Amino acid sequence: MKKKNKMQRSRILVVDDEAPIRQMIRFALERADFDVTEAGNSSEARVVVADETPDLMVLDWMMPGQSGIELARSLRKDRDTSDLPIIMLTARTEEDDRINGLEVGADDYVTKPFSPRELVARIQAVLRRAQPENDGEEVAAEGLIMDLAGHRVTADGNSVTLGPTEFRLLSFFMNNPERVYSRSQLLDNVWGRNVYVEERTVDVHIRRLRKVLEEHGYERFVQTVRGAGYRFSTKA
């Protein structure tokens, strides 16, 4: 994601088949100084994304035709939208359902009914994670290189595509190698102290990060320390 200047407003695409919900979200987001575009289904959303990729998508899980889950999965497989931040709206309250949403590519989820203020806070948190940090710096571990200013990752010269949360997670790990971090410590450092996210969410994003790194032979760097948490290490 390109870094925005301070005067440029983030563009949010709201995808929900219920017009009153879209209007309620639009009102809350415009008050928070976001530009808002609406889509009533997955097909309309694809047209909007093809015209100009938004900075973040708020996506309803259950919609007629292609569901939000199916749309999120397909967007993650498309190189042009693989790093598009997605917040899933869902009426499903079971933890396994919410985790399934994260596993197909959502960066966060909000359960219905929800507070517009909470949704705004979640959007702001995900957008912060998606922004480049430490301008001008580069960190490397063997052939795995993060260009923090350019918001790029390469493995042995090949481009590595990561979602915004996985990018920030890898950045934190590579800047703090060899130290074990608990799930709660990772939540504080990667997601932020004022954002409510369940600890199991960390495991989902660790799996997503490992899956991408596995394609390039570097999944071994993200290690599980039984009973303690996770660490980044080039040592066996």
C-alpha atoms as a PDB file:
ATOM      1  CA  MET A   1       0.000   0.000   0.000  1.00  0.00           C
ATOM      2  CA  LYS A   2       1.311   3.444  -0.873  1.00  0.00           C
ATOM      3  CA  LYS A   3       1.941   5.866   1.954  1.00  0.00           C
ATOM      4  CA  LYS A   4      -0.560   8.733   1.973  1.00  0.00           C
ATOM      5  CA  ASN A   5       0.223  12.332   2.658  1.00  0.00           C
ATOM      6  CA  LYS A   6      -1.538  13.925   5.605  1.00  0.00           C
ATOM      7  CA  MET A   7      -4.111  15.718   3.446  1.00  0.00           C
ATOM      8  CA  GLN A   8      -5.193  12.651   1.494  1.00  0.00           C
ATOM      9  CA  ARG A   9      -8.227  10.811   2.845  1.00  0.00           C
ATOM     10  CA  SER A  10      -8.361   7.023   2.877  1.00  0.00           C
ATOM     11  CA  ARG A  11     -10.915   5.483   0.529  1.00  0.00           C
ATOM     12  CA  ILE A  12     -13.144   2.792   2.052  1.00  0.00           C
ATOM     13  CA  LEU A  13     -15.333   0.418   0.045  1.00  0.00           C
ATOM     14  CA  VAL A  14     -18.380  -0.829   1.982  1.00  0.00           C
ATOM     15  CA  VAL A  15     -19.864  -4.040   0.580  1.00  0.00           C
ATOM     16  CA  ASP A  16     -23.208  -5.134   2.056  1.00  0.00           C
ATOM     17  CA  ASP A  17     -26.485  -6.170   0.457  1.00  0.00           C
ATOM     18  CA  GLU A  18     -28.513  -4.203   3.051  1.00  0.00           C
ATOM     19  CA  ALA A  19     -28.744  -0.539   2.062  1.00  0.00           C
ATOM     20  CA  PRO A  20     -29.586   0.741   5.602  1.00  0.00           C
ATOM     21  CA  ILE A  21     -26.386  -0.849   6.949  1.00  0.00           C
ATOM     22  CA  ARG A  22     -24.319   0.675   4.132  1.00  0.00           C
ATOM     23  CA  GLN A  23     -25.849   4.084   4.823  1.00  0.00           C
ATOM     24  CA  MET A  24     -25.199   3.816   8.556  1.00  0.00           C
ATOM     25  CA  ILE A  25     -21.580   2.849   7.923  1.00  0.00           C
ATOM     26  CA  ARG A  26     -21.154   5.611   5.335  1.00  0.00           C
ATOM     27  CA  PHE A  27     -22.428   8.217   7.796  1.00  0.00           C
ATOM     28  CA  ALA A  28     -20.022   7.053  10.521  1.00  0.00           C
ATOM     29  CA  LEU A  29     -17.033   6.831   8.195  1.00  0.00           C
ATOM     30  CA  GLU A  30     -17.609  10.180   6.521  1.00  0.00           C
ATOM     31  CA  ARG A  31     -17.816  11.790   9.976  1.00  0.00           C
ATOM     32  CA  ALA A  32     -14.410  10.191  10.638  1.00  0.00           C
ATOM     33  CA  ASP A  33     -13.094  11.870   7.450  1.00  0.00           C
ATOM     34  CA  PHE A  34     -12.990   8.837   5.150  1.00  0.00           C
ATOM     35  CA  ASP A  35     -14.047   8.780   1.499  1.00  0.00           C
ATOM     36  CA  VAL A  36     -16.704   6.083   1.137  1.00  0.00           C
ATOM     37  CA  THR A  37     -17.843   4.026  -1.849  1.00  0.00           C
ATOM     38  CA  GLU A  38     -20.659   1.466  -1.660  1.00  0.00           C
ATOM     39  CA  ALA A  39     -21.387  -1.849  -3.344  1.00  0.00           C
ATOM     40  CA  GLY A  40     -24.487  -4.000  -2.845  1.00  0.00           C
ATOM     41  CA  ASN A  41     -22.918  -7.332  -3.763  1.00  0.00           C
ATOM     42  CA  SER A  42     -19.675  -9.006  -4.759  1.00  0.00           C
ATOM     43  CA  SER A  43     -20.118  -8.284  -8.469  1.00  0.00           C
ATOM     44  CA  GLU A  44     -20.511  -4.561  -7.844  1.00  0.00           C
ATOM     45  CA  ALA A  45     -17.519  -4.666  -5.504  1.00  0.00           C
ATOM     46  CA  ARG A  46     -15.340  -6.208  -8.198  1.00  0.00           C
ATOM     47  CA  VAL A  47     -16.245  -3.400 -10.602  1.00  0.00           C
ATOM     48  CA  VAL A  48     -15.307  -0.769  -8.010  1.00  0.00           C
ATOM     49  CA  VAL A  49     -12.020  -2.488  -7.167  1.00  0.00           C
ATOM     50  CA  ALA A  50     -11.123  -2.864 -10.845  1.00  0.00           C
ATOM     51  CA  ASP A  51     -11.739   0.848 -11.410  1.00  0.00           C
ATOM     52  CA  GLU A  52      -9.666   2.010  -8.434  1.00  0.00           C
ATOM     53  CA  THR A  53      -8.491  -0.220  -5.616  1.00  0.00           C
ATOM     54  CA  PRO A  54      -9.683   1.179  -2.268  1.00  0.00           C
ATOM     55  CA  ASP A  55      -7.456   1.547   0.770  1.00  0.00           C
ATOM     56  CA  LEU A  56      -9.650  -0.855   2.735  1.00  0.00           C
ATOM     57  CA  MET A  57     -12.775  -2.934   2.204  1.00  0.00           C
ATOM     58  CA  VAL A  58     -15.533  -3.463   4.765  1.00  0.00           C
ATOM     59  CA  LEU A  59     -17.127  -6.700   3.592  1.00  0.00           C
ATOM     60  CA  ASP A  60     -20.307  -8.453   4.717  1.00  0.00           C
ATOM     61  CA  TRP A  61     -19.932 -12.216   5.200  1.00  0.00           C
ATOM     62  CA  MET A  62     -23.411 -13.269   4.015  1.00  0.00           C
ATOM     63  CA  MET A  63     -24.643 -11.878   0.708  1.00  0.00           C
ATOM     64  CA  PRO A  64     -26.723 -13.298  -2.129  1.00  0.00           C
ATOM     65  CA  GLY A  65     -24.681 -14.671  -4.995  1.00  0.00           C
ATOM     66  CA  GLN A  66     -20.997 -14.770  -4.156  1.00  0.00           C
ATOM     67  CA  SER A  67     -20.541 -14.498  -0.388  1.00  0.00           C
ATOM     68  CA  GLY A  68     -18.122 -12.146   1.289  1.00  0.00           C
ATOM     69  CA  ILE A  69     -15.964 -15.101   2.295  1.00  0.00           C
ATOM     70  CA  GLU A  70     -15.695 -16.226  -1.336  1.00  0.00           C
ATOM     71  CA  LEU A  71     -14.921 -12.682  -2.497  1.00  0.00           C
ATOM     72  CA  ALA A  72     -12.195 -12.276   0.142  1.00  0.00           C
ATOM     73  CA  ARG A  73     -10.631 -15.571  -0.890  1.00  0.00           C
ATOM     74  CA  SER A  74     -10.569 -14.604  -4.578  1.00  0.00           C
ATOM     75  CA  LEU A  75      -9.151 -11.138  -3.835  1.00  0.00           C
ATOM     76  CA  ARG A  76      -6.303 -12.699  -1.872  1.00  0.00           C
ATOM     77  CA  LYS A  77      -5.459 -14.929  -4.855  1.00  0.00           C
ATOM     78  CA  ASP A  78      -5.322 -11.949  -7.257  1.00  0.00           C
ATOM     79  CA  ARG A  79      -1.886 -10.321  -7.337  1.00  0.00           C
ATOM     80  CA  ASP A  80      -3.399  -6.843  -7.739  1.00  0.00           C
ATOM     81  CA  THR A  81      -5.545  -7.140  -4.592  1.00  0.00           C
ATOM     82  CA  SER A  82      -3.626  -9.667  -2.497  1.00  0.00           C
ATOM     83  CA  ASP A  83      -2.625  -7.006   0.041  1.00  0.00           C
ATOM     84  CA  LEU A  84      -5.970  -5.142   0.133  1.00  0.00           C
ATOM     85  CA  PRO A  85      -6.952  -4.730   3.812  1.00  0.00           C
ATOM     86  CA  ILE A  86     -10.311  -6.377   4.536  1.00  0.00           C
ATOM     87  CA  ILE A  87     -12.549  -6.115   7.599  1.00  0.00           C
ATOM     88  CA  MET A  88     -15.297  -8.719   7.633  1.00  0.00           C
ATOM     89  CA  LEU A  89     -18.784  -7.937   8.964  1.00  0.00           C
ATOM     90  CA  THR A  90     -20.502 -11.026  10.287  1.00  0.00           C
ATOM     91  CA  ALA A  91     -23.595 -11.983  12.252  1.00  0.00           C
ATOM     92  CA  ARG A  92     -21.869 -15.264  13.117  1.00  0.00           C
ATOM     93  CA  THR A  93     -20.776 -15.190  16.738  1.00  0.00           C
ATOM     94  CA  GLU A  94     -19.106 -18.583  17.034  1.00  0.00           C
ATOM     95  CA  GLU A  95     -15.340 -18.263  17.401  1.00  0.00           C
ATOM     96  CA  ASP A  96     -14.642 -20.904  14.737  1.00  0.00           C
ATOM     97  CA  ASP A  97     -16.716 -18.948  12.208  1.00  0.00           C
ATOM     98  CA  ARG A  98     -14.781 -15.765  12.924  1.00  0.00           C
ATOM     99  CA  ILE A  99     -11.469 -17.584  12.693  1.00  0.00           C
ATOM    100  CA  ASN A 100     -12.551 -19.041   9.333  1.00  0.00           C
ATOM    101  CA  GLY A 101     -13.064 -15.485   8.107  1.00  0.00           C
ATOM    102  CA  LEU A 102      -9.537 -14.571   9.128  1.00  0.00           C
ATOM    103  CA  GLU A 103      -8.102 -17.670   7.535  1.00  0.00           C
ATOM    104  CA  VAL A 104      -9.518 -16.865   4.104  1.00  0.00           C
ATOM    105  CA  GLY A 105      -7.853 -13.473   4.154  1.00  0.00           C
ATOM    106  CA  ALA A 106      -9.691 -10.953   6.348  1.00  0.00           C
ATOM    107  CA  ASP A 107      -7.466  -8.740   8.500  1.00  0.00           C
ATOM    108  CA  ASP A 108     -10.104  -8.224  11.173  1.00  0.00           C
ATOM    109  CA  TYR A 109     -13.778  -8.862  11.806  1.00  0.00           C
ATOM    110  CA  VAL A 110     -16.660  -7.045  13.485  1.00  0.00           C
ATOM    111  CA  THR A 111     -19.754  -8.922  14.633  1.00  0.00           C
ATOM    112  CA  LYS A 112     -23.264  -7.606  14.046  1.00  0.00           C
ATOM    113  CA  PRO A 113     -24.809  -5.689  15.705  1.00  0.00           C
ATOM    114  CA  PHE A 114     -21.816  -3.426  16.051  1.00  0.00           C
ATOM    115  CA  SER A 115     -20.973   0.056  17.237  1.00  0.00           C
ATOM    116  CA  PRO A 116     -20.035   2.451  14.406  1.00  0.00           C
ATOM    117  CA  ARG A 117     -17.333   3.860  16.697  1.00  0.00           C
ATOM    118  CA  GLU A 118     -15.864   0.385  17.086  1.00  0.00           C
ATOM    119  CA  LEU A 119     -15.854  -0.123  13.315  1.00  0.00           C
ATOM    120  CA  VAL A 120     -14.087   3.220  12.808  1.00  0.00           C
ATOM    121  CA  ALA A 121     -11.481   2.248  15.411  1.00  0.00           C
ATOM    122  CA  ARG A 122     -10.919  -1.131  13.729  1.00  0.00           C
ATOM    123  CA  ILE A 123     -10.526   0.523  10.325  1.00  0.00           C
ATOM    124  CA  GLN A 124      -8.028   3.039  11.678  1.00  0.00           C
ATOM    125  CA  ALA A 125      -6.035   0.236  13.333  1.00  0.00           C
ATOM    126  CA  VAL A 126      -5.885  -1.900  10.180  1.00  0.00           C
ATOM    127  CA  LEU A 127      -4.893   1.104   8.058  1.00  0.00           C
ATOM    128  CA  ARG A 128      -2.081   1.901  10.496  1.00  0.00           C
ATOM    129  CA  ARG A 129      -0.787  -1.651  10.146  1.00  0.00           C
ATOM    130  CA  ALA A 130      -0.923  -1.316   6.365  1.00  0.00           C
ATOM    131  CA  GLN A 131       1.225   1.820   6.227  1.00  0.00           C
ATOM    132  CA  PRO A 132       4.989   1.670   5.646  1.00  0.00           C
ATOM    133  CA  GLU A 133       7.137   2.350   8.694  1.00  0.00           C
ATOM    134  CA  ASN A 134      10.781   3.140   9.428  1.00  0.00           C
ATOM    135  CA  ASP A 135      11.330   4.987   6.156  1.00  0.00           C
ATOM    136  CA  GLY A 136      14.698   4.320   4.561  1.00  0.00           C
ATOM    137  CA  GLU A 137      15.399   1.142   6.492  1.00  0.00           C
ATOM    138  CA  GLU A 138      15.941  -2.366   5.244  1.00  0.00           C
ATOM    139  CA  VAL A 139      16.151  -5.514   7.338  1.00  0.00           C
ATOM    140  CA  ALA A 140      17.386  -8.881   6.141  1.00  0.00           C
ATOM    141  CA  ALA A 141      17.715 -12.448   7.321  1.00  0.00           C
ATOM    142  CA  GLU A 142      19.779 -14.463   4.879  1.00  0.00           C
ATOM    143  CA  GLY A 143      17.954 -14.095   1.536  1.00  0.00           C
ATOM    144  CA  LEU A 144      14.743 -12.723   3.078  1.00  0.00           C
ATOM    145  CA  ILE A 145      14.757  -8.924   2.756  1.00  0.00           C
ATOM    146  CA  MET A 146      12.224  -6.316   3.892  1.00  0.00           C
ATOM    147  CA  ASP A 147      12.326  -2.886   2.279  1.00  0.00           C
ATOM    148  CA  LEU A 148      10.375  -0.955   4.915  1.00  0.00           C
ATOM    149  CA  ALA A 149      10.345   2.328   3.000  1.00  0.00           C
ATOM    150  CA  GLY A 150       9.069   0.680  -0.168  1.00  0.00           C
ATOM    151  CA  HIS A 151       6.788  -1.723   1.741  1.00  0.00           C
ATOM    152  CA  ARG A 152       8.230  -4.680  -0.185  1.00  0.00           C
ATOM    153  CA  VAL A 153       9.504  -8.118   0.738  1.00  0.00           C
ATOM    154  CA  THR A 154      11.742 -10.305  -1.398  1.00  0.00           C
ATOM    155  CA  ALA A 155      13.067 -13.815  -0.943  1.00  0.00           C
ATOM    156  CA  ASP A 156      16.208 -14.597  -2.922  1.00  0.00           C
ATOM    157  CA  GLY A 157      15.263 -11.764  -5.260  1.00  0.00           C
ATOM    158  CA  ASN A 158      11.679 -12.959  -5.761  1.00  0.00           C
ATOM    159  CA  SER A 159       8.748 -10.809  -4.671  1.00  0.00           C
ATOM    160  CA  VAL A 160       6.841 -11.987  -1.583  1.00  0.00           C
ATOM    161  CA  THR A 161       3.211 -10.863  -1.347  1.00  0.00           C
ATOM    162  CA  LEU A 162       1.917 -10.289   2.181  1.00  0.00           C
ATOM    163  CA  GLY A 163      -1.283  -8.848   3.573  1.00  0.00           C
ATOM    164  CA  PRO A 164      -0.937  -5.745   5.786  1.00  0.00           C
ATOM    165  CA  THR A 165      -1.075  -7.616   9.082  1.00  0.00           C
ATOM    166  CA  GLU A 166       1.392 -10.272   7.946  1.00  0.00           C
ATOM    167  CA  PHE A 167       3.723  -7.539   6.695  1.00  0.00           C
ATOM    168  CA  ARG A 168       3.674  -5.747  10.042  1.00  0.00           C
ATOM    169  CA  LEU A 169       4.053  -9.045  11.905  1.00  0.00           C
ATOM    170  CA  LEU A 170       7.094 -10.011   9.835  1.00  0.00           C
ATOM    171  CA  SER A 171       8.536  -6.519  10.253  1.00  0.00           C
ATOM    172  CA  PHE A 172       8.232  -6.762  14.027  1.00  0.00           C
ATOM    173  CA  PHE A 173       9.791 -10.226  14.060  1.00  0.00           C
ATOM    174  CA  MET A 174      12.713  -9.277  11.821  1.00  0.00           C
ATOM    175  CA  ASN A 175      13.415  -6.147  13.846  1.00  0.00           C
ATOM    176  CA  ASN A 176      13.352  -8.184  17.059  1.00  0.00           C
ATOM    177  CA  PRO A 177      14.971 -11.536  16.212  1.00  0.00           C
ATOM    178  CA  GLU A 178      15.757 -14.389  18.622  1.00  0.00           C
ATOM    179  CA  ARG A 179      13.387 -13.133  21.330  1.00  0.00           C
ATOM    180  CA  VAL A 180      10.260 -15.085  22.275  1.00  0.00           C
ATOM    181  CA  TYR A 181       7.000 -13.122  22.299  1.00  0.00           C
ATOM    182  CA  SER A 182       3.729 -14.293  23.796  1.00  0.00           C
ATOM    183  CA  ARG A 183       0.468 -13.846  21.921  1.00  0.00           C
ATOM    184  CA  SER A 184      -0.506 -10.923  24.148  1.00  0.00           C
ATOM    185  CA  GLN A 185       2.851  -9.224  23.513  1.00  0.00           C
ATOM    186  CA  LEU A 186       2.425  -9.660  19.764  1.00  0.00           C
ATOM    187  CA  LEU A 187      -1.081  -8.199  19.977  1.00  0.00           C
ATOM    188  CA  ASP A 188       0.243  -5.143  21.822  1.00  0.00           C
ATOM    189  CA  ASN A 189       3.152  -4.582  19.437  1.00  0.00           C
ATOM    190  CA  VAL A 190       1.571  -5.473  16.087  1.00  0.00           C
ATOM    191  CA  TRP A 191      -2.157  -4.792  16.505  1.00  0.00           C
ATOM    192  CA  GLY A 192      -1.904  -2.057  19.148  1.00  0.00           C
ATOM    193  CA  ARG A 193      -2.753  -1.785  22.830  1.00  0.00           C
ATOM    194  CA  ASN A 194      -6.159  -0.179  22.331  1.00  0.00           C
ATOM    195  CA  VAL A 195      -7.498  -2.697  19.823  1.00  0.00           C
ATOM    196  CA  TYR A 196      -9.546  -5.643  21.056  1.00  0.00           C
ATOM    197  CA  VAL A 197      -8.524  -8.779  19.178  1.00  0.00           C
ATOM    198  CA  GLU A 198      -8.674 -12.329  20.506  1.00  0.00           C
ATOM    199  CA  GLU A 199      -5.335 -14.031  21.120  1.00  0.00           C
ATOM    200  CA  ARG A 200      -6.269 -16.880  18.782  1.00  0.00           C
ATOM    201  CA  THR A 201      -6.184 -14.327  15.963  1.00  0.00           C
ATOM    202  CA  VAL A 202      -2.393 -14.242  16.334  1.00  0.00           C
ATOM    203  CA  ASP A 203      -2.203 -17.955  15.514  1.00  0.00           C
ATOM    204  CA  VAL A 204      -4.208 -17.419  12.325  1.00  0.00           C
ATOM    205  CA  HIS A 205      -1.891 -14.686  11.073  1.00  0.00           C
ATOM    206  CA  ILE A 206       1.185 -16.700  12.042  1.00  0.00           C
ATOM    207  CA  ARG A 207      -0.149 -19.562   9.897  1.00  0.00           C
ATOM    208  CA  ARG A 208      -0.822 -17.172   7.013  1.00  0.00           C
ATOM    209  CA  LEU A 209       2.668 -15.719   7.296  1.00  0.00           C
ATOM    210  CA  ARG A 210       4.275 -19.147   7.385  1.00  0.00           C
ATOM    211  CA  LYS A 211       2.256 -20.306   4.402  1.00  0.00           C
ATOM    212  CA  VAL A 212       3.566 -17.450   2.272  1.00  0.00           C
ATOM    213  CA  LEU A 213       7.136 -17.890   3.496  1.00  0.00           C
ATOM    214  CA  GLU A 214       6.904 -21.631   2.839  1.00  0.00           C
ATOM    215  CA  GLU A 215       6.496 -20.902  -0.861  1.00  0.00           C
ATOM    216  CA  HIS A 216      10.005 -19.403  -0.746  1.00  0.00           C
ATOM    217  CA  GLY A 217      11.607 -21.821   1.724  1.00  0.00           C
ATOM    218  CA  TYR A 218      11.735 -19.477   4.718  1.00  0.00           C
ATOM    219  CA  GLU A 219       8.882 -20.719   6.936  1.00  0.00           C
ATOM    220  CA  ARG A 220      11.462 -22.155   9.373  1.00  0.00           C
ATOM    221  CA  PHE A 221      12.331 -18.624  10.527  1.00  0.00           C
ATOM    222  CA  VAL A 222       8.958 -18.208  12.294  1.00  0.00           C
ATOM    223  CA  GLN A 223       9.207 -20.644  15.175  1.00  0.00           C
ATOM    224  CA  THR A 224       6.733 -21.803  17.803  1.00  0.00           C
ATOM    225  CA  VAL A 225       8.077 -22.010  21.335  1.00  0.00           C
ATOM    226  CA  ARG A 226       5.789 -24.414  23.152  1.00  0.00           C
ATOM    227  CA  GLY A 227       4.031 -22.828  26.098  1.00  0.00           C
ATOM    228  CA  ALA A 228       5.663 -19.441  25.523  1.00  0.00           C
ATOM    229  CA  GLY A 229       4.778 -18.006  22.120  1.00  0.00           C
ATOM    230  CA  TYR A 230       6.666 -17.296  18.904  1.00  0.00           C
ATOM    231  CA  ARG A 231      10.082 -16.050  17.818  1.00  0.00           C
ATOM    232  CA  PHE A 232      11.895 -15.177  14.614  1.00  0.00           C
ATOM    233  CA  SER A 233      15.207 -16.967  14.285  1.00  0.00           C
ATOM    234  CA  THR A 234      17.556 -18.129  11.530  1.00  0.00           C
ATOM    235  CA  LYS A 235      18.863 -20.794  13.895  1.00  0.00           C
ATOM    236  CA  ALA A 236      17.454 -24.307  13.865  1.00  0.00           C
END
